[in-house]
């Protein structure tokens, strides 16, 4: 049997709705619409409801790139995540590939790795590789820095 795990420590991220190849998410108060090819079901909310909530939406142009349409002027912003005894701060920004800097669905993996690490946070730098990203947690600054590899 496969054990399902889910992140318990998100306070500033929410998947609001998904379907018809799209997802509507809230990242620290910013509500974004972007493509999600695996969302093959119907949206629960209407398109008008989505549009009324949006801060920004991503319009795909071609198979791998696109452009963010900003309903308001956005600059990079931050989101926080409670990782056991650490409150980490992550900087988000828009890319031409629909991403914003983190994969929130990977938070359960962050929790698992952090809980099962074999070294002290006071002495070591916590480094993990998640998909195509590198995550570094600085124990002095209590921040996670993420970037594409």
N, C-alpha and C. Protein backbone atom coordinates (compact mmCIF):
# COMPACT_ATOMS: atom_id res chain seq x y z
N UNK A 1 0.84 -1.18 0.00
CA UNK A 1 0.00 0.00 0.00
C UNK A 1 0.89 1.25 0.00
N UNK A 2 0.53 2.23 -0.80
CA UNK A 2 1.27 3.49 -0.88
C UNK A 2 0.68 4.44 0.15
N UNK A 3 1.57 5.01 0.97
CA UNK A 3 1.13 5.97 1.98
C UNK A 3 1.07 7.36 1.36
N UNK A 4 -0.07 8.01 1.47
CA UNK A 4 -0.22 9.37 0.97
C UNK A 4 0.23 10.35 2.04
N UNK A 5 1.06 11.30 1.65
CA UNK A 5 1.47 12.34 2.58
C UNK A 5 1.08 13.69 2.00
N UNK A 6 0.79 14.63 2.87
CA UNK A 6 0.43 15.97 2.41
C UNK A 6 1.05 16.98 3.37
N UNK A 7 1.39 18.15 2.85
CA UNK A 7 2.00 19.17 3.71
C UNK A 7 0.99 19.74 4.69
N UNK A 8 1.40 19.88 5.94
CA UNK A 8 0.50 20.39 6.97
C UNK A 8 0.82 21.82 7.37
N UNK A 9 1.93 22.35 6.88
CA UNK A 9 2.44 23.61 7.41
C UNK A 9 2.29 24.81 6.50
N UNK A 10 1.46 24.71 5.47
CA UNK A 10 1.24 25.86 4.60
C UNK A 10 0.22 26.79 5.24
N UNK A 11 0.60 28.03 5.49
CA UNK A 11 -0.34 29.04 5.95
C UNK A 11 -0.60 30.06 4.85
N UNK A 12 0.34 30.21 3.93
CA UNK A 12 0.26 31.27 2.92
C UNK A 12 0.11 30.74 1.49
N UNK A 13 -0.15 29.44 1.36
CA UNK A 13 -0.40 28.86 0.03
C UNK A 13 -1.73 28.12 0.07
N UNK A 14 -2.48 28.24 -1.03
CA UNK A 14 -3.73 27.50 -1.15
C UNK A 14 -4.03 27.23 -2.61
N UNK A 15 -4.39 25.99 -2.91
CA UNK A 15 -4.94 25.66 -4.22
C UNK A 15 -6.43 25.94 -4.12
N UNK A 16 -6.89 27.00 -4.77
CA UNK A 16 -8.27 27.45 -4.64
C UNK A 16 -9.20 26.62 -5.51
N UNK A 17 -8.79 26.39 -6.76
CA UNK A 17 -9.61 25.62 -7.70
C UNK A 17 -8.69 25.11 -8.80
N UNK A 18 -9.17 24.14 -9.54
CA UNK A 18 -8.42 23.63 -10.70
C UNK A 18 -9.39 22.93 -11.63
N UNK A 19 -8.95 22.77 -12.87
CA UNK A 19 -9.76 22.08 -13.86
C UNK A 19 -9.62 22.72 -15.23
N UNK A 20 -10.04 22.00 -16.24
CA UNK A 20 -9.96 22.47 -17.63
C UNK A 20 -8.53 22.88 -18.00
N UNK A 21 -7.55 22.14 -17.46
CA UNK A 21 -6.15 22.40 -17.79
C UNK A 21 -5.54 23.60 -17.09
N UNK A 22 -6.18 24.11 -16.04
CA UNK A 22 -5.69 25.29 -15.33
C UNK A 22 -5.75 25.06 -13.82
N UNK A 23 -5.01 25.90 -13.07
CA UNK A 23 -5.14 25.91 -11.62
C UNK A 23 -5.14 27.34 -11.11
N UNK A 24 -5.91 27.57 -10.05
CA UNK A 24 -6.03 28.87 -9.41
C UNK A 24 -5.44 28.73 -8.01
N UNK A 25 -4.36 29.49 -7.75
CA UNK A 25 -3.62 29.34 -6.50
C UNK A 25 -3.43 30.67 -5.80
N UNK A 26 -3.31 30.60 -4.47
CA UNK A 26 -3.00 31.79 -3.69
C UNK A 26 -1.63 31.61 -3.06
N UNK A 27 -0.72 32.53 -3.38
CA UNK A 27 0.63 32.57 -2.82
C UNK A 27 0.76 33.86 -2.02
N UNK A 28 0.69 33.77 -0.70
CA UNK A 28 0.87 34.94 0.17
C UNK A 28 0.04 36.14 -0.30
N UNK A 29 -1.22 35.92 -0.52
CA UNK A 29 -2.13 37.00 -0.87
C UNK A 29 -2.26 37.28 -2.36
N UNK A 30 -1.36 36.76 -3.18
CA UNK A 30 -1.43 36.95 -4.63
C UNK A 30 -2.16 35.75 -5.24
N UNK A 31 -3.19 36.01 -6.02
CA UNK A 31 -3.97 34.92 -6.60
C UNK A 31 -3.63 34.81 -8.08
N UNK A 32 -3.13 33.63 -8.45
CA UNK A 32 -2.58 33.39 -9.78
C UNK A 32 -3.33 32.27 -10.48
N UNK A 33 -3.49 32.43 -11.78
CA UNK A 33 -4.06 31.40 -12.65
C UNK A 33 -2.95 30.99 -13.62
N UNK A 34 -2.72 29.67 -13.71
CA UNK A 34 -1.69 29.19 -14.64
C UNK A 34 -2.04 27.79 -15.13
N UNK A 35 -1.46 27.39 -16.27
CA UNK A 35 -1.78 26.09 -16.85
C UNK A 35 -1.37 24.93 -15.94
N UNK A 36 -2.18 23.89 -15.97
CA UNK A 36 -1.87 22.63 -15.29
C UNK A 36 -2.44 21.50 -16.14
N UNK A 37 -1.60 20.93 -17.01
CA UNK A 37 -2.08 19.91 -17.96
C UNK A 37 -2.73 18.70 -17.30
N UNK A 38 -2.39 18.42 -16.04
CA UNK A 38 -2.96 17.25 -15.37
C UNK A 38 -4.35 17.52 -14.79
N UNK A 39 -4.81 18.76 -14.80
CA UNK A 39 -6.14 19.10 -14.28
C UNK A 39 -7.17 18.88 -15.38
N UNK A 40 -7.53 17.63 -15.60
CA UNK A 40 -8.36 17.25 -16.74
C UNK A 40 -9.86 17.28 -16.42
N UNK A 41 -10.22 17.55 -15.18
CA UNK A 41 -11.61 17.63 -14.76
C UNK A 41 -12.17 19.03 -15.01
N UNK A 42 -13.42 19.26 -14.67
CA UNK A 42 -14.03 20.57 -14.81
C UNK A 42 -13.73 21.45 -13.60
N UNK A 43 -13.60 22.74 -13.85
CA UNK A 43 -13.42 23.70 -12.75
C UNK A 43 -14.65 23.69 -11.88
N UNK A 44 -14.47 23.89 -10.58
CA UNK A 44 -15.59 23.98 -9.65
C UNK A 44 -16.23 25.36 -9.72
N UNK A 45 -15.38 26.40 -9.88
CA UNK A 45 -15.85 27.79 -9.96
C UNK A 45 -15.97 28.21 -11.42
N UNK A 46 -16.74 29.25 -11.65
CA UNK A 46 -16.91 29.75 -13.02
C UNK A 46 -15.67 30.57 -13.44
N UNK A 47 -15.50 30.76 -14.73
CA UNK A 47 -14.40 31.58 -15.24
C UNK A 47 -14.51 33.02 -14.74
N UNK A 48 -15.73 33.53 -14.63
CA UNK A 48 -15.94 34.89 -14.11
C UNK A 48 -15.47 35.00 -12.66
N UNK A 49 -15.74 33.96 -11.85
CA UNK A 49 -15.28 33.97 -10.45
C UNK A 49 -13.76 33.98 -10.40
N UNK A 50 -13.12 33.20 -11.26
CA UNK A 50 -11.65 33.18 -11.33
C UNK A 50 -11.14 34.58 -11.66
N UNK A 51 -11.69 35.17 -12.72
CA UNK A 51 -11.21 36.48 -13.18
C UNK A 51 -11.41 37.57 -12.14
N UNK A 52 -12.48 37.50 -11.35
CA UNK A 52 -12.72 38.49 -10.31
C UNK A 52 -11.68 38.42 -9.19
N UNK A 53 -11.10 37.24 -8.98
CA UNK A 53 -10.15 37.04 -7.89
C UNK A 53 -8.70 37.31 -8.29
N UNK A 54 -8.40 37.25 -9.57
CA UNK A 54 -7.02 37.21 -10.06
C UNK A 54 -6.18 38.44 -9.73
N UNK A 55 -4.93 38.16 -9.38
CA UNK A 55 -3.90 39.17 -9.32
C UNK A 55 -3.11 39.13 -10.63
N UNK A 56 -2.85 37.91 -11.12
CA UNK A 56 -2.12 37.72 -12.38
C UNK A 56 -2.49 36.38 -12.98
N UNK A 57 -2.35 36.28 -14.31
CA UNK A 57 -2.61 35.01 -14.99
C UNK A 57 -1.50 34.78 -16.02
N UNK A 58 -1.25 33.51 -16.30
CA UNK A 58 -0.22 33.13 -17.26
C UNK A 58 -0.88 32.70 -18.55
N UNK A 59 -0.45 33.29 -19.67
CA UNK A 59 -0.95 32.92 -21.00
C UNK A 59 0.16 32.17 -21.73
N UNK A 60 -0.09 30.91 -22.03
CA UNK A 60 0.90 30.07 -22.71
C UNK A 60 1.05 30.51 -24.15
N UNK A 61 2.30 30.61 -24.60
CA UNK A 61 2.61 30.94 -26.00
C UNK A 61 3.59 29.88 -26.49
N UNK A 62 3.09 28.89 -27.18
CA UNK A 62 3.94 27.79 -27.60
C UNK A 62 3.91 26.68 -26.56
N UNK A 63 4.83 25.73 -26.70
CA UNK A 63 4.78 24.57 -25.82
C UNK A 63 5.48 24.77 -24.48
N UNK A 64 6.40 25.71 -24.37
CA UNK A 64 7.17 25.83 -23.13
C UNK A 64 7.26 27.23 -22.55
N UNK A 65 6.79 28.23 -23.24
CA UNK A 65 6.92 29.59 -22.75
C UNK A 65 5.59 30.31 -22.77
N UNK A 66 5.59 31.48 -22.18
CA UNK A 66 4.39 32.29 -22.17
C UNK A 66 4.67 33.62 -21.50
N UNK A 67 3.59 34.30 -21.15
CA UNK A 67 3.71 35.63 -20.56
C UNK A 67 2.69 35.75 -19.41
N UNK A 68 3.11 36.42 -18.35
CA UNK A 68 2.22 36.73 -17.24
C UNK A 68 1.46 38.01 -17.55
N UNK A 69 0.17 37.98 -17.40
CA UNK A 69 -0.67 39.17 -17.52
C UNK A 69 -1.00 39.62 -16.12
N UNK A 70 -0.48 40.77 -15.75
CA UNK A 70 -0.65 41.26 -14.39
C UNK A 70 -1.89 42.13 -14.27
N UNK A 71 -2.77 41.72 -13.42
CA UNK A 71 -3.95 42.53 -13.16
C UNK A 71 -3.52 43.75 -12.34
N UNK A 72 -2.56 43.58 -11.49
CA UNK A 72 -1.97 44.69 -10.75
C UNK A 72 -0.46 44.62 -10.94
N UNK A 73 0.24 45.69 -10.61
CA UNK A 73 1.69 45.69 -10.77
C UNK A 73 2.31 44.89 -9.62
N UNK A 74 2.95 43.80 -9.96
CA UNK A 74 3.57 42.94 -8.96
C UNK A 74 5.08 42.97 -9.11
N UNK A 75 5.73 42.91 -8.02
CA UNK A 75 7.18 42.75 -7.97
C UNK A 75 7.44 41.44 -7.25
N UNK A 76 8.69 41.02 -7.17
CA UNK A 76 8.94 39.81 -6.37
C UNK A 76 8.33 39.96 -4.97
N UNK A 77 7.83 38.87 -4.43
CA UNK A 77 7.23 38.89 -3.11
C UNK A 77 7.68 37.64 -2.35
N UNK A 78 7.32 37.55 -1.10
CA UNK A 78 7.79 36.46 -0.23
C UNK A 78 6.63 35.64 0.29
N UNK A 79 6.94 34.37 0.54
CA UNK A 79 6.00 33.46 1.17
C UNK A 79 6.75 32.75 2.28
N UNK A 80 6.04 32.40 3.34
CA UNK A 80 6.65 31.72 4.49
C UNK A 80 6.10 30.30 4.61
N UNK A 81 6.94 29.43 5.16
CA UNK A 81 6.54 28.04 5.40
C UNK A 81 7.10 27.61 6.74
N UNK A 82 6.25 26.97 7.55
CA UNK A 82 6.68 26.48 8.85
C UNK A 82 7.21 25.06 8.70
N UNK A 83 8.51 24.92 8.85
CA UNK A 83 9.18 23.63 8.70
C UNK A 83 9.60 23.18 10.10
N UNK A 84 8.73 22.44 10.78
CA UNK A 84 8.95 22.02 12.17
C UNK A 84 9.27 23.23 13.03
N UNK A 85 10.52 23.34 13.49
CA UNK A 85 10.91 24.42 14.39
C UNK A 85 11.48 25.63 13.65
N UNK A 86 11.41 25.64 12.34
CA UNK A 86 11.94 26.74 11.52
C UNK A 86 10.79 27.43 10.77
N UNK A 87 10.86 28.73 10.68
CA UNK A 87 9.94 29.48 9.80
C UNK A 87 10.81 29.97 8.66
N UNK A 88 10.59 29.43 7.47
CA UNK A 88 11.44 29.77 6.35
C UNK A 88 10.75 30.78 5.44
N UNK A 89 11.55 31.59 4.81
CA UNK A 89 11.08 32.67 3.95
C UNK A 89 11.59 32.40 2.54
N UNK A 90 10.68 32.40 1.56
CA UNK A 90 11.04 32.11 0.18
C UNK A 90 10.63 33.28 -0.71
N UNK A 91 11.54 33.68 -1.59
CA UNK A 91 11.28 34.78 -2.51
C UNK A 91 10.63 34.23 -3.78
N UNK A 92 9.52 34.83 -4.18
CA UNK A 92 8.80 34.40 -5.38
C UNK A 92 8.90 35.48 -6.45
N UNK A 93 8.89 35.04 -7.69
CA UNK A 93 8.92 35.95 -8.83
C UNK A 93 8.36 35.21 -10.03
N UNK A 94 7.98 35.93 -11.05
CA UNK A 94 7.39 35.33 -12.25
C UNK A 94 8.47 34.93 -13.25
N UNK A 95 8.31 33.76 -13.87
CA UNK A 95 9.21 33.31 -14.93
C UNK A 95 8.42 33.20 -16.23
N UNK A 96 9.14 33.06 -17.33
CA UNK A 96 8.47 32.89 -18.62
C UNK A 96 8.00 31.46 -18.84
N UNK A 97 8.17 30.61 -17.82
CA UNK A 97 7.78 29.21 -17.92
C UNK A 97 6.63 28.84 -16.99
N UNK A 98 5.87 29.82 -16.52
CA UNK A 98 4.70 29.70 -15.64
C UNK A 98 5.02 29.49 -14.17
N UNK A 99 6.28 29.34 -13.84
CA UNK A 99 6.66 29.09 -12.45
C UNK A 99 6.83 30.40 -11.68
N UNK A 100 6.78 30.28 -10.35
CA UNK A 100 6.97 31.44 -9.49
C UNK A 100 8.14 31.28 -8.53
N UNK A 101 8.83 30.16 -8.58
CA UNK A 101 10.01 29.98 -7.75
C UNK A 101 9.96 28.81 -6.79
N UNK A 102 8.79 28.26 -6.54
CA UNK A 102 8.68 27.07 -5.70
C UNK A 102 7.64 26.13 -6.29
N UNK A 103 7.72 24.87 -5.87
CA UNK A 103 6.69 23.89 -6.18
C UNK A 103 6.00 23.58 -4.85
N UNK A 104 4.89 24.23 -4.53
CA UNK A 104 4.28 24.06 -3.22
C UNK A 104 3.86 22.62 -2.92
N UNK A 105 3.58 21.85 -3.95
CA UNK A 105 3.17 20.46 -3.74
C UNK A 105 4.33 19.60 -3.21
N UNK A 106 5.55 20.13 -3.26
CA UNK A 106 6.71 19.40 -2.75
C UNK A 106 6.93 19.60 -1.25
N UNK A 107 6.12 20.40 -0.60
CA UNK A 107 6.31 20.71 0.82
C UNK A 107 6.29 19.45 1.69
N UNK A 108 5.49 18.45 1.34
CA UNK A 108 5.49 17.21 2.12
C UNK A 108 6.86 16.55 2.06
N UNK A 109 7.54 16.66 0.92
CA UNK A 109 8.91 16.12 0.82
C UNK A 109 9.88 16.92 1.67
N UNK A 110 9.73 18.26 1.71
CA UNK A 110 10.58 19.09 2.57
C UNK A 110 10.43 18.65 4.01
N UNK A 111 9.16 18.46 4.44
CA UNK A 111 8.88 18.03 5.81
C UNK A 111 9.56 16.70 6.12
N UNK A 112 9.37 15.74 5.23
CA UNK A 112 9.92 14.40 5.43
C UNK A 112 11.45 14.43 5.54
N UNK A 113 12.09 15.11 4.60
CA UNK A 113 13.56 15.16 4.61
C UNK A 113 14.06 15.88 5.85
N UNK A 114 13.42 16.99 6.21
CA UNK A 114 13.84 17.75 7.39
C UNK A 114 13.70 16.91 8.66
N UNK A 115 12.59 16.21 8.80
CA UNK A 115 12.36 15.39 9.99
C UNK A 115 13.30 14.19 10.06
N UNK A 116 13.76 13.72 8.93
CA UNK A 116 14.60 12.53 8.90
C UNK A 116 16.07 12.83 8.66
N UNK A 117 16.47 14.07 8.72
CA UNK A 117 17.87 14.42 8.52
C UNK A 117 18.70 13.86 9.67
N UNK A 118 19.99 13.66 9.42
CA UNK A 118 20.87 13.05 10.42
C UNK A 118 21.94 14.01 10.90
N UNK A 119 21.69 15.30 10.83
CA UNK A 119 22.67 16.26 11.30
C UNK A 119 21.96 17.42 11.99
N UNK A 120 22.70 18.16 12.76
CA UNK A 120 22.15 19.27 13.52
C UNK A 120 22.05 20.52 12.66
N UNK A 121 20.90 21.19 12.71
CA UNK A 121 20.74 22.43 11.95
C UNK A 121 21.69 23.52 12.45
N UNK A 122 22.08 23.46 13.72
CA UNK A 122 22.96 24.48 14.26
C UNK A 122 24.36 24.39 13.67
N UNK A 123 24.77 23.22 13.17
CA UNK A 123 26.13 23.02 12.69
C UNK A 123 26.24 22.84 11.19
N UNK A 124 25.18 22.47 10.55
CA UNK A 124 25.22 22.14 9.13
C UNK A 124 24.26 23.02 8.33
N UNK A 125 24.47 23.09 7.04
CA UNK A 125 23.53 23.75 6.15
C UNK A 125 22.67 22.66 5.52
N UNK A 126 21.38 22.85 5.61
CA UNK A 126 20.41 21.86 5.12
C UNK A 126 20.28 22.00 3.61
N UNK A 127 20.68 20.97 2.86
CA UNK A 127 20.62 21.01 1.40
C UNK A 127 19.86 19.79 0.88
N UNK A 128 18.88 20.03 0.02
CA UNK A 128 18.15 18.94 -0.61
C UNK A 128 17.91 19.26 -2.07
N UNK A 129 17.84 18.23 -2.87
CA UNK A 129 17.52 18.39 -4.28
C UNK A 129 16.10 17.90 -4.50
N UNK A 130 15.23 18.80 -4.96
CA UNK A 130 13.85 18.45 -5.25
C UNK A 130 13.57 18.74 -6.71
N UNK A 131 13.31 17.71 -7.47
CA UNK A 131 13.07 17.82 -8.89
C UNK A 131 14.22 18.59 -9.55
N UNK A 132 13.95 19.72 -10.18
CA UNK A 132 15.00 20.46 -10.87
C UNK A 132 15.46 21.66 -10.06
N UNK A 133 15.22 21.63 -8.75
CA UNK A 133 15.54 22.78 -7.92
C UNK A 133 16.56 22.41 -6.85
N UNK A 134 17.26 23.42 -6.39
CA UNK A 134 18.12 23.27 -5.23
C UNK A 134 17.55 24.15 -4.14
N UNK A 135 17.48 23.62 -2.97
CA UNK A 135 16.96 24.37 -1.83
C UNK A 135 18.07 24.44 -0.79
N UNK A 136 18.38 25.63 -0.30
CA UNK A 136 19.34 25.79 0.78
C UNK A 136 18.69 26.52 1.93
N UNK A 137 18.80 25.98 3.10
CA UNK A 137 18.29 26.62 4.29
C UNK A 137 19.48 27.10 5.10
N UNK A 138 19.55 28.37 5.31
CA UNK A 138 20.62 28.96 6.10
C UNK A 138 20.18 29.03 7.55
N UNK A 139 20.82 28.29 8.45
CA UNK A 139 20.37 28.30 9.85
C UNK A 139 20.53 29.67 10.50
N UNK A 140 21.47 30.47 10.04
CA UNK A 140 21.66 31.80 10.63
C UNK A 140 20.54 32.75 10.22
N UNK A 141 20.13 32.71 8.97
CA UNK A 141 19.12 33.63 8.46
C UNK A 141 17.73 33.03 8.43
N UNK A 142 17.64 31.71 8.61
CA UNK A 142 16.36 31.00 8.58
C UNK A 142 15.60 31.30 7.29
N UNK A 143 16.28 31.22 6.17
CA UNK A 143 15.66 31.47 4.87
C UNK A 143 16.01 30.33 3.93
N UNK A 144 15.11 30.06 3.00
CA UNK A 144 15.39 29.11 1.95
C UNK A 144 15.58 29.90 0.66
N UNK A 145 16.62 29.61 -0.06
CA UNK A 145 16.87 30.24 -1.36
C UNK A 145 16.71 29.18 -2.42
N UNK A 146 15.91 29.44 -3.42
CA UNK A 146 15.66 28.46 -4.48
C UNK A 146 15.98 29.06 -5.83
N UNK A 147 16.47 28.22 -6.72
CA UNK A 147 16.74 28.67 -8.07
C UNK A 147 16.73 27.49 -9.01
N UNK A 148 16.56 27.77 -10.30
CA UNK A 148 16.57 26.73 -11.31
C UNK A 148 18.00 26.27 -11.53
N UNK A 149 18.16 25.00 -11.83
CA UNK A 149 19.48 24.47 -12.14
C UNK A 149 19.63 24.34 -13.64
